[in-house]
Amino acid sequence: MNHLLPGKGKVHSKLPIRAFLKKDKIYAWCSCGYSGSQPLCDGSHNSIRVPDLKLKPVRFIPDKDMEVWFCNCKQTKNRPFCDGSHKDLVEKDKLEGIFD
């Protein structure tokens, strides 16, 4: 069940993804949900024809080597990191009898 929620990107997955980041490397997290290189941006947002979807990648540079959990549901309020928002989507699916 991949869908767009108002002001957020398409849900790619309802589980976060762990990543190991390198100090001083530039990363661009996909906020639209359409990248084929999740959780990172591959430029797919440039060819999407969804009215009012103006999501751009979230770029950041770690100041140290670090392990992070990237949001894959694209609903986080702590972009690009997981804040547990996917749990609301999973719970909603359970209530509606939908599982993926």
PDB file of N, CA and C in Angstrom:
ATOM      1  N   MET A   1       0.845  -1.184   0.000  1.00  0.00           N
ATOM      2  CA  MET A   1       0.000   0.000   0.000  1.00  0.00           C
ATOM      3  C   MET A   1       0.887   1.242   0.000  1.00  0.00           C
ATOM      4  N   ASN A   2       1.354   1.652  -1.167  1.00  0.00           N
ATOM      5  CA  ASN A   2       2.143   2.864  -1.286  1.00  0.00           C
ATOM      6  C   ASN A   2       1.225   3.990  -1.711  1.00  0.00           C
ATOM      7  N   HIS A   3       1.218   5.042  -0.943  1.00  0.00           N
ATOM      8  CA  HIS A   3       0.329   6.150  -1.235  1.00  0.00           C
ATOM      9  C   HIS A   3       0.972   7.448  -0.768  1.00  0.00           C
ATOM     10  N   LEU A   4       0.429   8.548  -1.228  1.00  0.00           N
ATOM     11  CA  LEU A   4       0.908   9.854  -0.809  1.00  0.00           C
ATOM     12  C   LEU A   4       0.057  10.369   0.331  1.00  0.00           C
ATOM     13  N   LEU A   5       0.692  10.897   1.327  1.00  0.00           N
ATOM     14  CA  LEU A   5      -0.018  11.556   2.406  1.00  0.00           C
ATOM     15  C   LEU A   5       0.224  13.050   2.257  1.00  0.00           C
ATOM     16  N   PRO A   6      -0.720  13.882   2.636  1.00  0.00           N
ATOM     17  CA  PRO A   6      -0.570  15.327   2.440  1.00  0.00           C
ATOM     18  C   PRO A   6       0.745  15.862   3.006  1.00  0.00           C
ATOM     19  N   GLY A   7       1.511  16.549   2.147  1.00  0.00           N
ATOM     20  CA  GLY A   7       2.754  17.167   2.574  1.00  0.00           C
ATOM     21  C   GLY A   7       3.909  16.214   2.791  1.00  0.00           C
ATOM     22  N   LYS A   8       3.719  14.955   2.469  1.00  0.00           N
ATOM     23  CA  LYS A   8       4.761  13.951   2.668  1.00  0.00           C
ATOM     24  C   LYS A   8       4.950  13.169   1.378  1.00  0.00           C
ATOM     25  N   GLY A   9       6.046  12.429   1.297  1.00  0.00           N
ATOM     26  CA  GLY A   9       6.313  11.610   0.128  1.00  0.00           C
ATOM     27  C   GLY A   9       5.553  10.296   0.154  1.00  0.00           C
ATOM     28  N   LYS A  10       5.731   9.528  -0.909  1.00  0.00           N
ATOM     29  CA  LYS A  10       5.114   8.208  -1.033  1.00  0.00           C
ATOM     30  C   LYS A  10       5.762   7.258  -0.025  1.00  0.00           C
ATOM     31  N   VAL A  11       4.950   6.466   0.625  1.00  0.00           N
ATOM     32  CA  VAL A  11       5.476   5.482   1.575  1.00  0.00           C
ATOM     33  C   VAL A  11       6.254   4.434   0.781  1.00  0.00           C
ATOM     34  N   HIS A  12       7.547   4.341   1.036  1.00  0.00           N
ATOM     35  CA  HIS A  12       8.362   3.332   0.357  1.00  0.00           C
ATOM     36  C   HIS A  12       8.311   2.010   1.124  1.00  0.00           C
ATOM     37  N   SER A  13       8.450   2.095   2.432  1.00  0.00           N
ATOM     38  CA  SER A  13       8.425   0.914   3.291  1.00  0.00           C
ATOM     39  C   SER A  13       7.983   1.349   4.683  1.00  0.00           C
ATOM     40  N   LYS A  14       7.379   0.447   5.403  1.00  0.00           N
ATOM     41  CA  LYS A  14       6.939   0.772   6.758  1.00  0.00           C
ATOM     42  C   LYS A  14       7.965   0.354   7.795  1.00  0.00           C
ATOM     43  N   LEU A  15       9.192   0.153   7.346  1.00  0.00           N
ATOM     44  CA  LEU A  15      10.297  -0.164   8.250  1.00  0.00           C
ATOM     45  C   LEU A  15      11.470   0.753   7.936  1.00  0.00           C
ATOM     46  N   PRO A  16      12.177   1.236   8.952  1.00  0.00           N
ATOM     47  CA  PRO A  16      13.361   2.060   8.701  1.00  0.00           C
ATOM     48  C   PRO A  16      14.506   1.194   8.186  1.00  0.00           C
ATOM     49  N   ILE A  17      15.541   1.840   7.687  1.00  0.00           N
ATOM     50  CA  ILE A  17      16.707   1.113   7.203  1.00  0.00           C
ATOM     51  C   ILE A  17      17.958   1.633   7.903  1.00  0.00           C
ATOM     52  N   ARG A  18      18.772   0.703   8.386  1.00  0.00           N
ATOM     53  CA  ARG A  18      20.002   1.067   9.082  1.00  0.00           C
ATOM     54  C   ARG A  18      21.093   1.362   8.058  1.00  0.00           C
ATOM     55  N   ALA A  19      21.889   2.384   8.339  1.00  0.00           N
ATOM     56  CA  ALA A  19      22.987   2.745   7.445  1.00  0.00           C
ATOM     57  C   ALA A  19      24.187   3.192   8.271  1.00  0.00           C
ATOM     58  N   PHE A  20      25.353   2.977   7.715  1.00  0.00           N
ATOM     59  CA  PHE A  20      26.597   3.426   8.330  1.00  0.00           C
ATOM     60  C   PHE A  20      27.140   4.554   7.474  1.00  0.00           C
ATOM     61  N   LEU A  21      27.224   5.735   8.052  1.00  0.00           N
ATOM     62  CA  LEU A  21      27.622   6.926   7.314  1.00  0.00           C
ATOM     63  C   LEU A  21      29.061   7.302   7.625  1.00  0.00           C
ATOM     64  N   LYS A  22      29.715   7.887   6.615  1.00  0.00           N
ATOM     65  CA  LYS A  22      31.101   8.309   6.745  1.00  0.00           C
ATOM     66  C   LYS A  22      31.188   9.806   7.000  1.00  0.00           C
ATOM     67  N   LYS A  23      32.084  10.179   7.857  1.00  0.00           N
ATOM     68  CA  LYS A  23      32.329  11.583   8.182  1.00  0.00           C
ATOM     69  C   LYS A  23      32.660  12.367   6.909  1.00  0.00           C
ATOM     70  N   ASP A  24      32.069  13.541   6.789  1.00  0.00           N
ATOM     71  CA  ASP A  24      32.325  14.509   5.713  1.00  0.00           C
ATOM     72  C   ASP A  24      31.839  14.075   4.330  1.00  0.00           C
ATOM     73  N   LYS A  25      31.140  12.966   4.221  1.00  0.00           N
ATOM     74  CA  LYS A  25      30.560  12.558   2.939  1.00  0.00           C
ATOM     75  C   LYS A  25      29.185  13.209   2.802  1.00  0.00           C
ATOM     76  N   ILE A  26      28.847  13.642   1.598  1.00  0.00           N
ATOM     77  CA  ILE A  26      27.544  14.263   1.354  1.00  0.00           C
ATOM     78  C   ILE A  26      26.518  13.170   1.056  1.00  0.00           C
ATOM     79  N   TYR A  27      25.407  13.197   1.778  1.00  0.00           N
ATOM     80  CA  TYR A  27      24.304  12.262   1.576  1.00  0.00           C
ATOM     81  C   TYR A  27      23.056  13.051   1.207  1.00  0.00           C
ATOM     82  N   ALA A  28      22.203  12.443   0.389  1.00  0.00           N
ATOM     83  CA  ALA A  28      20.936  13.071   0.006  1.00  0.00           C
ATOM     84  C   ALA A  28      19.828  12.037   0.195  1.00  0.00           C
ATOM     85  N   TRP A  29      19.042  12.213   1.246  1.00  0.00           N
ATOM     86  CA  TRP A  29      17.954  11.297   1.578  1.00  0.00           C
ATOM     87  C   TRP A  29      16.748  11.591   0.691  1.00  0.00           C
ATOM     88  N   CYS A  30      16.140  10.554   0.157  1.00  0.00           N
ATOM     89  CA  CYS A  30      14.946  10.689  -0.683  1.00  0.00           C
ATOM     90  C   CYS A  30      13.748  11.049   0.189  1.00  0.00           C
ATOM     91  N   SER A  31      13.115  12.176  -0.109  1.00  0.00           N
ATOM     92  CA  SER A  31      11.919  12.565   0.647  1.00  0.00           C
ATOM     93  C   SER A  31      10.638  12.301  -0.132  1.00  0.00           C
ATOM     94  N   CYS A  32      10.756  12.019  -1.451  1.00  0.00           N
ATOM     95  CA  CYS A  32       9.551  11.821  -2.263  1.00  0.00           C
ATOM     96  C   CYS A  32       9.055  10.378  -2.234  1.00  0.00           C
ATOM     97  N   GLY A  33       9.955   9.417  -1.971  1.00  0.00           N
ATOM     98  CA  GLY A  33       9.576   8.012  -1.918  1.00  0.00           C
ATOM     99  C   GLY A  33       9.677   7.279  -3.242  1.00  0.00           C
ATOM    100  N   TYR A  34      10.072   7.966  -4.312  1.00  0.00           N
ATOM    101  CA  TYR A  34      10.117   7.352  -5.636  1.00  0.00           C
ATOM    102  C   TYR A  34      11.504   6.872  -6.054  1.00  0.00           C
ATOM    103  N   SER A  35      12.531   7.166  -5.301  1.00  0.00           N
ATOM    104  CA  SER A  35      13.888   6.780  -5.669  1.00  0.00           C
ATOM    105  C   SER A  35      14.019   5.266  -5.772  1.00  0.00           C
ATOM    106  N   GLY A  36      14.768   4.821  -6.756  1.00  0.00           N
ATOM    107  CA  GLY A  36      15.079   3.402  -6.887  1.00  0.00           C
ATOM    108  C   GLY A  36      16.286   3.022  -6.050  1.00  0.00           C
ATOM    109  N   SER A  37      16.886   4.006  -5.386  1.00  0.00           N
ATOM    110  CA  SER A  37      18.081   3.797  -4.566  1.00  0.00           C
ATOM    111  C   SER A  37      17.805   4.096  -3.097  1.00  0.00           C
ATOM    112  N   GLN A  38      16.625   3.735  -2.613  1.00  0.00           N
ATOM    113  CA  GLN A  38      16.222   4.023  -1.233  1.00  0.00           C
ATOM    114  C   GLN A  38      17.266   3.543  -0.238  1.00  0.00           C
ATOM    115  N   PRO A  39      17.511   4.306   0.786  1.00  0.00           N
ATOM    116  CA  PRO A  39      16.783   5.494   1.208  1.00  0.00           C
ATOM    117  C   PRO A  39      17.339   6.789   0.619  1.00  0.00           C
ATOM    118  N   LEU A  40      18.313   6.658  -0.288  1.00  0.00           N
ATOM    119  CA  LEU A  40      18.950   7.847  -0.845  1.00  0.00           C
ATOM    120  C   LEU A  40      18.315   8.261  -2.168  1.00  0.00           C
ATOM    121  N   CYS A  41      18.479   9.528  -2.494  1.00  0.00           N
ATOM    122  CA  CYS A  41      17.893  10.115  -3.694  1.00  0.00           C
ATOM    123  C   CYS A  41      18.645   9.672  -4.949  1.00  0.00           C
ATOM    124  N   ASP A  42      17.894   9.374  -6.015  1.00  0.00           N
ATOM    125  CA  ASP A  42      18.491   9.094  -7.322  1.00  0.00           C
ATOM    126  C   ASP A  42      18.002  10.086  -8.379  1.00  0.00           C
ATOM    127  N   GLY A  43      17.318  11.148  -7.944  1.00  0.00           N
ATOM    128  CA  GLY A  43      16.825  12.169  -8.868  1.00  0.00           C
ATOM    129  C   GLY A  43      15.450  11.886  -9.437  1.00  0.00           C
ATOM    130  N   SER A  44      14.801  10.820  -8.998  1.00  0.00           N
ATOM    131  CA  SER A  44      13.479  10.466  -9.533  1.00  0.00           C
ATOM    132  C   SER A  44      12.453  11.574  -9.342  1.00  0.00           C
ATOM    133  N   HIS A  45      12.616  12.394  -8.307  1.00  0.00           N
ATOM    134  CA  HIS A  45      11.655  13.475  -8.048  1.00  0.00           C
ATOM    135  C   HIS A  45      11.579  14.460  -9.220  1.00  0.00           C
ATOM    136  N   ASN A  46      12.629  14.503 -10.044  1.00  0.00           N
ATOM    137  CA  ASN A  46      12.646  15.419 -11.190  1.00  0.00           C
ATOM    138  C   ASN A  46      11.706  14.990 -12.306  1.00  0.00           C
ATOM    139  N   SER A  47      11.335  13.715 -12.351  1.00  0.00           N
ATOM    140  CA  SER A  47      10.479  13.227 -13.435  1.00  0.00           C
ATOM    141  C   SER A  47       9.080  12.821 -12.971  1.00  0.00           C
ATOM    142  N   ILE A  48       8.759  13.069 -11.710  1.00  0.00           N
ATOM    143  CA  ILE A  48       7.444  12.711 -11.175  1.00  0.00           C
ATOM    144  C   ILE A  48       6.427  13.766 -11.577  1.00  0.00           C
ATOM    145  N   ARG A  49       5.274  13.318 -12.015  1.00  0.00           N
ATOM    146  CA  ARG A  49       4.204  14.234 -12.414  1.00  0.00           C
ATOM    147  C   ARG A  49       3.060  14.166 -11.412  1.00  0.00           C
ATOM    148  N   VAL A  50       3.337  14.567 -10.197  1.00  0.00           N
ATOM    149  CA  VAL A  50       2.317  14.597  -9.154  1.00  0.00           C
ATOM    150  C   VAL A  50       2.090  16.061  -8.799  1.00  0.00           C
ATOM    151  N   PRO A  51       0.881  16.578  -9.059  1.00  0.00           N
ATOM    152  CA  PRO A  51       0.614  17.987  -8.752  1.00  0.00           C
ATOM    153  C   PRO A  51       0.921  18.326  -7.292  1.00  0.00           C
ATOM    154  N   ASP A  52       1.530  19.452  -7.097  1.00  0.00           N
ATOM    155  CA  ASP A  52       1.834  19.991  -5.764  1.00  0.00           C
ATOM    156  C   ASP A  52       2.875  19.193  -4.976  1.00  0.00           C
ATOM    157  N   LEU A  53       3.500  18.185  -5.602  1.00  0.00           N
ATOM    158  CA  LEU A  53       4.567  17.457  -4.912  1.00  0.00           C
ATOM    159  C   LEU A  53       5.869  18.204  -5.166  1.00  0.00           C
ATOM    160  N   LYS A  54       6.330  18.909  -4.170  1.00  0.00           N
ATOM    161  CA  LYS A  54       7.528  19.732  -4.312  1.00  0.00           C
ATOM    162  C   LYS A  54       8.603  19.266  -3.339  1.00  0.00           C
ATOM    163  N   LEU A  55       8.698  17.986  -3.156  1.00  0.00           N
ATOM    164  CA  LEU A  55       9.662  17.440  -2.211  1.00  0.00           C
ATOM    165  C   LEU A  55      11.036  17.333  -2.858  1.00  0.00           C
ATOM    166  N   LYS A  56      12.025  17.759  -2.158  1.00  0.00           N
ATOM    167  CA  LYS A  56      13.411  17.708  -2.609  1.00  0.00           C
ATOM    168  C   LYS A  56      14.197  16.827  -1.642  1.00  0.00           C
ATOM    169  N   PRO A  57      15.348  16.313  -2.097  1.00  0.00           N
ATOM    170  CA  PRO A  57      16.146  15.495  -1.183  1.00  0.00           C
ATOM    171  C   PRO A  57      16.650  16.315   0.004  1.00  0.00           C
ATOM    172  N   VAL A  58      16.849  15.627   1.110  1.00  0.00           N
ATOM    173  CA  VAL A  58      17.406  16.251   2.307  1.00  0.00           C
ATOM    174  C   VAL A  58      18.899  15.936   2.307  1.00  0.00           C
ATOM    175  N   ARG A  59      19.703  16.965   2.102  1.00  0.00           N
ATOM    176  CA  ARG A  59      21.151  16.781   2.057  1.00  0.00           C
ATOM    177  C   ARG A  59      21.749  17.052   3.440  1.00  0.00           C
ATOM    178  N   PHE A  60      22.763  16.242   3.773  1.00  0.00           N
ATOM    179  CA  PHE A  60      23.453  16.453   5.047  1.00  0.00           C
ATOM    180  C   PHE A  60      24.839  15.836   4.983  1.00  0.00           C
ATOM    181  N   ILE A  61      25.721  16.320   5.849  1.00  0.00           N
ATOM    182  CA  ILE A  61      27.101  15.851   5.927  1.00  0.00           C
ATOM    183  C   ILE A  61      27.395  15.505   7.387  1.00  0.00           C
ATOM    184  N   PRO A  62      27.599  14.219   7.692  1.00  0.00           N
ATOM    185  CA  PRO A  62      27.892  13.837   9.081  1.00  0.00           C
ATOM    186  C   PRO A  62      29.233  14.420   9.541  1.00  0.00           C
ATOM    187  N   ASP A  63      29.296  14.840  10.789  1.00  0.00           N
ATOM    188  CA  ASP A  63      30.545  15.380  11.327  1.00  0.00           C
ATOM    189  C   ASP A  63      31.407  14.292  11.965  1.00  0.00           C
ATOM    190  N   LYS A  64      30.922  13.034  11.896  1.00  0.00           N
ATOM    191  CA  LYS A  64      31.688  11.876  12.367  1.00  0.00           C
ATOM    192  C   LYS A  64      31.113  10.627  11.710  1.00  0.00           C
ATOM    193  N   ASP A  65      31.874   9.531  11.689  1.00  0.00           N
ATOM    194  CA  ASP A  65      31.338   8.250  11.240  1.00  0.00           C
ATOM    195  C   ASP A  65      30.223   7.875  12.201  1.00  0.00           C
ATOM    196  N   MET A  66      29.113   7.398  11.656  1.00  0.00           N
ATOM    197  CA  MET A  66      27.983   7.113  12.536  1.00  0.00           C
ATOM    198  C   MET A  66      27.031   6.083  11.928  1.00  0.00           C
ATOM    199  N   GLU A  67      26.300   5.420  12.805  1.00  0.00           N
ATOM    200  CA  GLU A  67      25.224   4.514  12.416  1.00  0.00           C
ATOM    201  C   GLU A  67      23.910   5.264  12.621  1.00  0.00           C
ATOM    202  N   VAL A  68      23.024   5.194  11.617  1.00  0.00           N
ATOM    203  CA  VAL A  68      21.727   5.873  11.711  1.00  0.00           C
ATOM    204  C   VAL A  68      20.629   4.939  11.222  1.00  0.00           C
ATOM    205  N   TRP A  69      19.399   5.306  11.544  1.00  0.00           N
ATOM    206  CA  TRP A  69      18.220   4.627  11.008  1.00  0.00           C
ATOM    207  C   TRP A  69      17.481   5.650  10.157  1.00  0.00           C
ATOM    208  N   PHE A  70      17.503   5.428   8.826  1.00  0.00           N
ATOM    209  CA  PHE A  70      16.800   6.313   7.907  1.00  0.00           C
ATOM    210  C   PHE A  70      15.317   5.963   7.873  1.00  0.00           C
ATOM    211  N   CYS A  71      14.493   6.980   7.787  1.00  0.00           N
ATOM    212  CA  CYS A  71      13.056   6.792   7.606  1.00  0.00           C
ATOM    213  C   CYS A  71      12.795   6.309   6.184  1.00  0.00           C
ATOM    214  N   ASN A  72      12.004   5.268   6.038  1.00  0.00           N
ATOM    215  CA  ASN A  72      11.602   4.774   4.719  1.00  0.00           C
ATOM    216  C   ASN A  72      10.117   4.983   4.461  1.00  0.00           C
ATOM    217  N   CYS A  73       9.369   5.382   5.499  1.00  0.00           N
ATOM    218  CA  CYS A  73       7.941   5.637   5.286  1.00  0.00           C
ATOM    219  C   CYS A  73       7.707   7.077   4.830  1.00  0.00           C
ATOM    220  N   LYS A  74       8.734   7.921   4.962  1.00  0.00           N
ATOM    221  CA  LYS A  74       8.716   9.324   4.509  1.00  0.00           C
ATOM    222  C   LYS A  74       7.770  10.203   5.312  1.00  0.00           C
ATOM    223  N   GLN A  75       7.302   9.730   6.455  1.00  0.00           N
ATOM    224  CA  GLN A  75       6.357  10.496   7.271  1.00  0.00           C
ATOM    225  C   GLN A  75       7.017  11.100   8.515  1.00  0.00           C
ATOM    226  N   THR A  76       8.311  10.902   8.679  1.00  0.00           N
ATOM    227  CA  THR A  76       9.024  11.374   9.858  1.00  0.00           C
ATOM    228  C   THR A  76       8.963  12.895  10.024  1.00  0.00           C
ATOM    229  N   LYS A  77       9.009  13.321  11.250  1.00  0.00           N
ATOM    230  CA  LYS A  77       9.114  14.752  11.559  1.00  0.00           C
ATOM    231  C   LYS A  77      10.565  15.107  11.866  1.00  0.00           C
ATOM    232  N   ASN A  78      11.454  14.119  11.773  1.00  0.00           N
ATOM    233  CA  ASN A  78      12.878  14.301  12.049  1.00  0.00           C
ATOM    234  C   ASN A  78      13.692  13.904  10.815  1.00  0.00           C
ATOM    235  N   ARG A  79      13.330  14.475   9.670  1.00  0.00           N
ATOM    236  CA  ARG A  79      13.958  14.097   8.407  1.00  0.00           C
ATOM    237  C   ARG A  79      15.469  14.287   8.448  1.00  0.00           C
ATOM    238  N   PRO A  80      16.226  13.313   8.010  1.00  0.00           N
ATOM    239  CA  PRO A  80      15.889  12.089   7.297  1.00  0.00           C
ATOM    240  C   PRO A  80      15.791  10.855   8.192  1.00  0.00           C
ATOM    241  N   PHE A  81      15.802  11.056   9.494  1.00  0.00           N
ATOM    242  CA  PHE A  81      15.905   9.927  10.413  1.00  0.00           C
ATOM    243  C   PHE A  81      14.539   9.430  10.888  1.00  0.00           C
ATOM    244  N   CYS A  82      14.490   8.151  11.200  1.00  0.00           N
ATOM    245  CA  CYS A  82      13.258   7.538  11.687  1.00  0.00           C
ATOM    246  C   CYS A  82      12.872   8.113  13.047  1.00  0.00           C
ATOM    247  N   ASP A  83      11.602   8.455  13.189  1.00  0.00           N
ATOM    248  CA  ASP A  83      11.075   8.905  14.484  1.00  0.00           C
ATOM    249  C   ASP A  83       9.941   8.006  14.972  1.00  0.00           C
ATOM    250  N   GLY A  84       9.764   6.857  14.301  1.00  0.00           N
ATOM    251  CA  GLY A  84       8.716   5.920  14.697  1.00  0.00           C
ATOM    252  C   GLY A  84       7.377   6.156  14.024  1.00  0.00           C
ATOM    253  N   SER A  85       7.297   7.117  13.103  1.00  0.00           N
ATOM    254  CA  SER A  85       6.022   7.418  12.433  1.00  0.00           C
ATOM    255  C   SER A  85       5.444   6.212  11.702  1.00  0.00           C
ATOM    256  N   HIS A  86       6.306   5.297  11.253  1.00  0.00           N
ATOM    257  CA  HIS A  86       5.826   4.109  10.540  1.00  0.00           C
ATOM    258  C   HIS A  86       4.907   3.256  11.415  1.00  0.00           C
ATOM    259  N   LYS A  87       5.066   3.349  12.721  1.00  0.00           N
ATOM    260  CA  LYS A  87       4.217   2.557  13.622  1.00  0.00           C
ATOM    261  C   LYS A  87       2.752   2.958  13.495  1.00  0.00           C
ATOM    262  N   ASP A  88       2.502   4.248  13.251  1.00  0.00           N
ATOM    263  CA  ASP A  88       1.124   4.707  13.041  1.00  0.00           C
ATOM    264  C   ASP A  88       0.536   4.096  11.774  1.00  0.00           C
ATOM    265  N   LEU A  89       1.358   3.975  10.722  1.00  0.00           N
ATOM    266  CA  LEU A  89       0.887   3.388   9.466  1.00  0.00           C
ATOM    267  C   LEU A  89       0.579   1.908   9.635  1.00  0.00           C
ATOM    268  N   VAL A  90       1.452   1.200  10.341  1.00  0.00           N
ATOM    269  CA  VAL A  90       1.244  -0.234  10.585  1.00  0.00           C
ATOM    270  C   VAL A  90      -0.013  -0.439  11.419  1.00  0.00           C
ATOM    271  N   GLU A  91      -0.190   0.372  12.448  1.00  0.00           N
ATOM    272  CA  GLU A  91      -1.374   0.257  13.310  1.00  0.00           C
ATOM    273  C   GLU A  91      -2.646   0.540  12.515  1.00  0.00           C
ATOM    274  N   LYS A  92      -2.602   1.549  11.659  1.00  0.00           N
ATOM    275  CA  LYS A  92      -3.764   1.883  10.830  1.00  0.00           C
ATOM    276  C   LYS A  92      -4.116   0.704   9.917  1.00  0.00           C
ATOM    277  N   ASP A  93      -3.092   0.083   9.319  1.00  0.00           N
ATOM    278  CA  ASP A  93      -3.328  -1.079   8.464  1.00  0.00           C
ATOM    279  C   ASP A  93      -3.950  -2.230   9.249  1.00  0.00           C
ATOM    280  N   LYS A  94      -3.500  -2.441  10.472  1.00  0.00           N
ATOM    281  CA  LYS A  94      -4.074  -3.510  11.299  1.00  0.00           C
ATOM    282  C   LYS A  94      -5.554  -3.251  11.560  1.00  0.00           C
ATOM    283  N   LEU A  95      -5.876  -2.004  11.855  1.00  0.00           N
ATOM    284  CA  LEU A  95      -7.275  -1.656  12.116  1.00  0.00           C
ATOM    285  C   LEU A  95      -8.141  -1.840  10.878  1.00  0.00           C
ATOM    286  N   GLU A  96      -7.548  -1.591   9.708  1.00  0.00           N
ATOM    287  CA  GLU A  96      -8.299  -1.719   8.459  1.00  0.00           C
ATOM    288  C   GLU A  96      -8.201  -3.122   7.870  1.00  0.00           C
ATOM    289  N   GLY A  97      -7.406  -3.997   8.504  1.00  0.00           N
ATOM    290  CA  GLY A  97      -7.253  -5.355   8.007  1.00  0.00           C
ATOM    291  C   GLY A  97      -6.331  -5.454   6.809  1.00  0.00           C
ATOM    292  N   ILE A  98      -5.432  -4.467   6.659  1.00  0.00           N
ATOM    293  CA  ILE A  98      -4.496  -4.449   5.532  1.00  0.00           C
ATOM    294  C   ILE A  98      -3.103  -4.707   6.080  1.00  0.00           C
ATOM    295  N   PHE A  99      -2.378  -5.610   5.454  1.00  0.00           N
ATOM    296  CA  PHE A  99      -1.008  -5.898   5.872  1.00  0.00           C
ATOM    297  C   PHE A  99      -0.118  -5.923   4.649  1.00  0.00           C
ATOM    298  N   ASP A 100       1.113  -5.379   4.795  1.00  0.00           N
ATOM    299  CA  ASP A 100       2.116  -5.532   3.724  1.00  0.00           C
ATOM    300  C   ASP A 100       3.492  -5.600   4.305  1.00  0.00           C
TER     301      ASP A 100
END
